[in-house]
């Protein structure tokens, strides 16, 4: 481990929960910011489907495969 000596300064019983708590708070704040500052996330989470994407389909016939010519 790169920072293995940190545990000589910080007790693992304190450092690990503090680190995991900081990760949880940061994750929660990012998700809260996304939900608060966008309009489409609330609609998506509430089941709003919006407009479906239109996919253009080619209607041309596939190229004809010619039989090999016997010589």
N, C-alpha and C. Protein backbone atom coordinates (compact mmCIF):
# COMPACT_ATOMS: atom_id res chain seq x y z
N UNK A 1 0.85 -1.16 0.00
CA UNK A 1 0.00 0.00 0.00
C UNK A 1 0.90 1.24 0.00
N UNK A 2 0.55 2.22 -0.82
CA UNK A 2 1.39 3.40 -0.98
C UNK A 2 1.46 4.22 0.31
N UNK A 3 0.31 4.45 0.92
CA UNK A 3 0.25 5.31 2.10
C UNK A 3 0.05 4.47 3.37
N UNK A 4 0.79 3.42 3.50
CA UNK A 4 0.65 2.53 4.63
C UNK A 4 1.05 3.16 5.96
N UNK A 5 1.94 4.14 5.92
CA UNK A 5 2.39 4.78 7.16
C UNK A 5 1.36 5.72 7.75
N UNK A 6 0.28 6.02 7.00
CA UNK A 6 -0.75 6.92 7.54
C UNK A 6 -1.38 6.30 8.79
N UNK A 7 -1.40 4.98 8.86
CA UNK A 7 -2.06 4.33 9.99
C UNK A 7 -1.21 4.37 11.27
N UNK A 8 0.04 4.87 11.15
CA UNK A 8 0.81 5.12 12.37
C UNK A 8 0.40 6.46 13.00
N UNK A 9 -0.25 7.32 12.21
CA UNK A 9 -0.70 8.62 12.68
C UNK A 9 -2.19 8.59 13.01
N UNK A 10 -2.97 7.96 12.13
CA UNK A 10 -4.43 7.91 12.28
C UNK A 10 -4.83 6.48 12.61
N UNK A 11 -5.62 6.33 13.64
CA UNK A 11 -6.11 5.01 14.03
C UNK A 11 -7.08 4.51 12.96
N UNK A 12 -6.91 3.26 12.47
CA UNK A 12 -7.82 2.74 11.44
C UNK A 12 -9.27 2.69 11.90
N UNK A 13 -9.51 2.56 13.18
CA UNK A 13 -10.89 2.53 13.68
C UNK A 13 -11.56 3.90 13.50
N UNK A 14 -10.77 4.94 13.33
CA UNK A 14 -11.31 6.29 13.10
C UNK A 14 -11.18 6.66 11.62
N UNK A 15 -10.05 6.37 11.02
CA UNK A 15 -9.77 6.81 9.66
C UNK A 15 -10.64 6.17 8.60
N UNK A 16 -10.89 4.88 8.71
CA UNK A 16 -11.69 4.19 7.69
C UNK A 16 -13.14 4.68 7.69
N UNK A 17 -13.82 4.77 8.84
CA UNK A 17 -15.18 5.31 8.81
C UNK A 17 -15.24 6.76 8.34
N UNK A 18 -14.26 7.57 8.69
CA UNK A 18 -14.24 8.96 8.22
C UNK A 18 -14.09 9.00 6.70
N UNK A 19 -13.20 8.18 6.15
CA UNK A 19 -13.00 8.13 4.70
C UNK A 19 -14.27 7.67 3.99
N UNK A 20 -14.87 6.59 4.47
CA UNK A 20 -16.09 6.09 3.83
C UNK A 20 -17.24 7.08 3.98
N UNK A 21 -17.32 7.77 5.10
CA UNK A 21 -18.34 8.80 5.28
C UNK A 21 -18.14 9.95 4.31
N UNK A 22 -16.90 10.35 4.09
CA UNK A 22 -16.62 11.43 3.15
C UNK A 22 -17.01 11.03 1.72
N UNK A 23 -16.75 9.79 1.36
CA UNK A 23 -17.14 9.30 0.04
C UNK A 23 -18.66 9.30 -0.10
N UNK A 24 -19.36 8.87 0.93
CA UNK A 24 -20.83 8.84 0.89
C UNK A 24 -21.41 10.25 0.80
N UNK A 25 -20.87 11.19 1.55
CA UNK A 25 -21.36 12.57 1.50
C UNK A 25 -21.10 13.18 0.13
N UNK A 26 -19.93 12.94 -0.43
CA UNK A 26 -19.61 13.48 -1.75
C UNK A 26 -20.54 12.89 -2.82
N UNK A 27 -20.77 11.60 -2.75
CA UNK A 27 -21.66 10.95 -3.72
C UNK A 27 -23.08 11.48 -3.60
N UNK A 28 -23.55 11.62 -2.39
CA UNK A 28 -24.91 12.14 -2.18
C UNK A 28 -25.03 13.57 -2.69
N UNK A 29 -24.02 14.39 -2.45
CA UNK A 29 -24.10 15.78 -2.89
C UNK A 29 -24.07 15.89 -4.41
N UNK A 30 -23.30 15.04 -5.08
CA UNK A 30 -23.28 15.05 -6.55
C UNK A 30 -24.63 14.63 -7.10
N UNK A 31 -25.22 13.57 -6.55
CA UNK A 31 -26.52 13.12 -7.02
C UNK A 31 -27.61 14.17 -6.74
N UNK A 32 -27.55 14.80 -5.60
CA UNK A 32 -28.51 15.85 -5.28
C UNK A 32 -28.38 17.02 -6.24
N UNK A 33 -27.16 17.39 -6.58
CA UNK A 33 -26.94 18.49 -7.52
C UNK A 33 -27.48 18.14 -8.91
N UNK A 34 -27.32 16.90 -9.33
CA UNK A 34 -27.84 16.48 -10.64
C UNK A 34 -29.36 16.54 -10.65
N UNK A 35 -29.99 16.03 -9.61
CA UNK A 35 -31.45 16.02 -9.56
C UNK A 35 -31.99 17.44 -9.43
N UNK A 36 -31.31 18.30 -8.71
CA UNK A 36 -31.79 19.66 -8.49
C UNK A 36 -31.60 20.57 -9.70
N UNK A 37 -30.57 20.35 -10.48
CA UNK A 37 -30.21 21.28 -11.55
C UNK A 37 -30.57 20.82 -12.95
N UNK A 38 -31.25 19.71 -13.09
CA UNK A 38 -31.68 19.26 -14.41
C UNK A 38 -33.18 19.09 -14.41
N UNK A 39 -33.76 19.14 -15.59
CA UNK A 39 -35.21 18.97 -15.70
C UNK A 39 -35.58 17.56 -16.14
N UNK A 40 -34.70 16.89 -16.86
CA UNK A 40 -35.06 15.59 -17.41
C UNK A 40 -34.94 14.46 -16.40
N UNK A 41 -34.11 14.60 -15.37
CA UNK A 41 -33.92 13.50 -14.41
C UNK A 41 -35.19 13.25 -13.62
N UNK A 42 -35.85 14.32 -13.18
CA UNK A 42 -37.09 14.14 -12.41
C UNK A 42 -38.14 13.45 -13.25
N UNK A 43 -38.27 13.84 -14.51
CA UNK A 43 -39.23 13.18 -15.39
C UNK A 43 -38.87 11.73 -15.63
N UNK A 44 -37.60 11.45 -15.78
CA UNK A 44 -37.16 10.08 -16.00
C UNK A 44 -37.44 9.21 -14.78
N UNK A 45 -37.14 9.73 -13.60
CA UNK A 45 -37.35 8.95 -12.39
C UNK A 45 -38.84 8.77 -12.07
N UNK A 46 -39.68 9.69 -12.55
CA UNK A 46 -41.12 9.56 -12.34
C UNK A 46 -41.81 8.78 -13.44
N UNK A 47 -41.07 8.25 -14.39
CA UNK A 47 -41.65 7.40 -15.42
C UNK A 47 -42.00 8.13 -16.69
N UNK A 48 -41.59 9.35 -16.84
CA UNK A 48 -41.86 10.08 -18.07
C UNK A 48 -40.99 9.56 -19.19
N UNK A 49 -41.61 9.05 -20.24
CA UNK A 49 -40.84 8.45 -21.32
C UNK A 49 -40.36 9.48 -22.33
N UNK A 50 -41.07 10.58 -22.47
CA UNK A 50 -40.68 11.57 -23.47
C UNK A 50 -41.00 11.07 -24.86
N UNK A 51 -40.39 11.67 -25.86
CA UNK A 51 -40.62 11.26 -27.24
C UNK A 51 -39.65 10.14 -27.60
N UNK A 52 -40.15 9.08 -28.23
CA UNK A 52 -39.23 8.01 -28.65
C UNK A 52 -38.38 8.48 -29.83
N UNK A 53 -37.20 7.97 -29.91
CA UNK A 53 -36.31 8.31 -31.01
C UNK A 53 -36.81 7.66 -32.28
N UNK A 54 -36.75 8.39 -33.38
CA UNK A 54 -37.18 7.88 -34.67
C UNK A 54 -35.95 7.37 -35.40
N UNK A 55 -36.05 6.11 -35.83
CA UNK A 55 -34.95 5.50 -36.54
C UNK A 55 -35.36 5.35 -37.99
N UNK A 56 -34.58 5.92 -38.88
CA UNK A 56 -34.88 5.82 -40.31
C UNK A 56 -34.44 4.45 -40.80
N UNK A 57 -35.37 3.77 -41.44
CA UNK A 57 -35.07 2.44 -41.97
C UNK A 57 -34.90 2.55 -43.49
N UNK A 58 -33.91 1.90 -44.02
CA UNK A 58 -33.71 1.88 -45.46
C UNK A 58 -34.72 0.90 -46.07
N UNK A 59 -35.43 1.34 -47.12
CA UNK A 59 -36.44 0.48 -47.73
C UNK A 59 -35.94 -0.12 -49.03
N UNK A 60 -34.72 0.15 -49.40
CA UNK A 60 -34.18 -0.40 -50.65
C UNK A 60 -33.97 -1.91 -50.50
N UNK A 61 -34.14 -2.61 -51.62
CA UNK A 61 -33.94 -4.06 -51.63
C UNK A 61 -32.46 -4.36 -51.48
N UNK A 62 -32.14 -5.48 -50.84
CA UNK A 62 -30.73 -5.84 -50.71
C UNK A 62 -30.14 -6.16 -52.08
N UNK A 63 -28.86 -6.01 -52.25
CA UNK A 63 -28.25 -6.29 -53.56
C UNK A 63 -28.42 -7.76 -53.93
N UNK A 64 -28.68 -7.97 -55.21
CA UNK A 64 -28.89 -9.33 -55.71
C UNK A 64 -27.55 -10.07 -55.76
N UNK A 65 -27.59 -11.33 -55.39
CA UNK A 65 -26.40 -12.16 -55.43
C UNK A 65 -26.47 -12.99 -56.71
N UNK A 66 -25.46 -12.85 -57.55
CA UNK A 66 -25.45 -13.57 -58.81
C UNK A 66 -24.78 -14.94 -58.63
N UNK A 67 -25.31 -15.90 -59.33
CA UNK A 67 -24.74 -17.25 -59.29
C UNK A 67 -23.42 -17.23 -60.06
N UNK A 68 -22.45 -18.00 -59.60
CA UNK A 68 -21.18 -18.06 -60.34
C UNK A 68 -21.37 -18.64 -61.75
N UNK A 69 -20.65 -18.11 -62.68
CA UNK A 69 -20.75 -18.54 -64.08
C UNK A 69 -19.82 -19.72 -64.29
N UNK A 70 -20.37 -20.83 -64.86
CA UNK A 70 -19.55 -22.00 -65.14
C UNK A 70 -18.87 -21.82 -66.48
N UNK A 71 -17.61 -22.19 -66.55
CA UNK A 71 -16.87 -22.07 -67.80
C UNK A 71 -16.63 -23.41 -68.40
